[in-house]
Amino acid sequence: MTQPSVGSTRHNAPMNELSQAAGDRRLERAIVLTLLSGEGERRWSYGELAAELRIQGELLQTVLGRLSEAGLVCFAAGEAWASPAARAIDELGLIGI
């Protein structure tokens, strides 16, 4: 039986890729929760959101793109907001911290 090499998992993915994926998931959750926070349907500018989350603008746009493709976030003209689907799920109490 072959042992996995140092720095890899049983699935043969390097540890830094797994760490990156976990970090991306945490960032995705932080963005969605931030956009859902507060009253009403607040729109956040990219600058406000990047400052709030302490991340670079390029990374923010990449993650917003993924969240938009998943139907959780809307963004246009330099602003981002929670999608109606994300708000409905939140109102049903299915999103917990």
Protein backbone atom coordinates (compact mmCIF):
# COMPACT_ATOMS: atom_id res chain seq x y z
CA MET A 1 0.00 0.00 0.00
CA THR A 2 1.39 3.40 -0.96
CA GLN A 3 1.45 6.12 1.65
CA PRO A 4 0.37 9.63 0.66
CA SER A 5 3.24 12.04 0.29
CA VAL A 6 3.74 14.87 2.74
CA GLY A 7 1.59 17.84 1.81
CA SER A 8 -1.14 15.85 0.07
CA THR A 9 -4.37 14.16 1.05
CA ARG A 10 -5.91 10.83 0.20
CA HIS A 11 -7.50 12.56 -2.75
CA ASN A 12 -4.10 13.69 -3.99
CA ALA A 13 -4.86 17.41 -3.62
CA PRO A 14 -2.02 19.55 -2.27
CA MET A 15 -2.66 20.93 1.22
CA ASN A 16 -2.32 24.55 0.09
CA GLU A 17 -5.17 24.02 -2.42
CA LEU A 18 -7.38 22.63 0.36
CA SER A 19 -6.46 25.56 2.60
CA GLN A 20 -7.28 27.99 -0.21
CA ALA A 21 -10.66 26.33 -0.79
CA ALA A 22 -11.50 26.58 2.92
CA GLY A 23 -10.46 30.25 2.92
CA ASP A 24 -12.60 30.93 -0.14
CA ARG A 25 -15.63 29.33 1.56
CA ARG A 26 -15.12 31.47 4.67
CA LEU A 27 -14.86 34.57 2.50
CA GLU A 28 -18.00 33.62 0.56
CA ARG A 29 -19.91 33.20 3.84
CA ALA A 30 -18.56 36.50 5.17
CA ILE A 31 -19.67 38.35 2.03
CA VAL A 32 -23.18 36.87 2.05
CA LEU A 33 -23.63 37.54 5.78
CA THR A 34 -22.36 41.09 5.38
CA LEU A 35 -24.74 41.76 2.49
CA LEU A 36 -27.63 40.34 4.52
CA SER A 37 -26.79 42.36 7.62
CA GLY A 38 -28.79 45.41 8.57
CA GLU A 39 -32.23 46.47 7.53
CA GLY A 40 -33.58 46.61 4.02
CA GLU A 41 -31.76 45.85 0.84
CA ARG A 42 -28.61 47.87 1.35
CA ARG A 43 -26.25 48.07 -1.58
CA TRP A 44 -22.56 48.09 -0.72
CA SER A 45 -19.97 49.71 -2.93
CA TYR A 46 -17.03 47.47 -3.77
CA GLY A 47 -14.80 49.80 -1.75
CA GLU A 48 -17.04 49.63 1.34
CA LEU A 49 -17.30 45.86 1.14
CA ALA A 50 -13.56 45.39 0.59
CA ALA A 51 -12.79 47.67 3.54
CA GLU A 52 -15.35 45.95 5.78
CA LEU A 53 -13.93 42.52 5.00
CA ARG A 54 -10.31 43.72 4.74
CA ILE A 55 -9.67 42.12 1.37
CA GLN A 56 -8.26 43.20 -1.99
CA GLY A 57 -10.65 44.46 -4.68
CA GLU A 58 -9.60 41.83 -7.24
CA LEU A 59 -10.32 38.98 -4.83
CA LEU A 60 -13.66 40.56 -3.93
CA GLN A 61 -14.71 40.75 -7.57
CA THR A 62 -13.70 37.13 -8.18
CA VAL A 63 -15.69 35.86 -5.21
CA LEU A 64 -18.68 38.10 -6.03
CA GLY A 65 -18.69 36.58 -9.51
CA ARG A 66 -18.89 33.05 -8.08
CA LEU A 67 -21.64 34.06 -5.65
CA SER A 68 -23.56 35.74 -8.46
CA GLU A 69 -23.33 32.59 -10.60
CA ALA A 70 -24.76 30.66 -7.63
CA GLY A 71 -27.67 33.12 -7.39
CA LEU A 72 -26.73 34.49 -3.95
CA VAL A 73 -25.45 37.96 -4.83
CA CYS A 74 -26.28 40.65 -7.35
CA PHE A 75 -23.76 43.25 -8.45
CA ALA A 76 -23.65 46.06 -10.97
CA ALA A 77 -22.16 49.52 -11.38
CA GLY A 78 -19.63 48.98 -8.59
CA GLU A 79 -22.21 47.87 -6.01
CA ALA A 80 -23.18 44.50 -4.53
CA TRP A 81 -26.28 43.35 -2.67
CA ALA A 82 -27.89 40.12 -1.49
CA SER A 83 -30.09 38.46 -4.10
CA PRO A 84 -33.82 38.00 -3.49
CA ALA A 85 -33.15 34.24 -3.13
CA ALA A 86 -30.54 34.82 -0.40
CA ARG A 87 -32.93 37.19 1.41
CA ALA A 88 -35.77 34.65 1.21
CA ILE A 89 -33.57 31.88 2.62
CA ASP A 90 -32.45 34.24 5.39
CA GLU A 91 -36.07 35.16 6.22
CA LEU A 92 -36.93 31.46 6.48
CA GLY A 93 -34.25 31.17 9.16
CA LEU A 94 -32.16 28.74 7.16
CA ILE A 95 -29.01 30.83 7.40
CA GLY A 96 -27.49 30.64 10.86
CA ILE A 97 -24.34 32.01 12.34
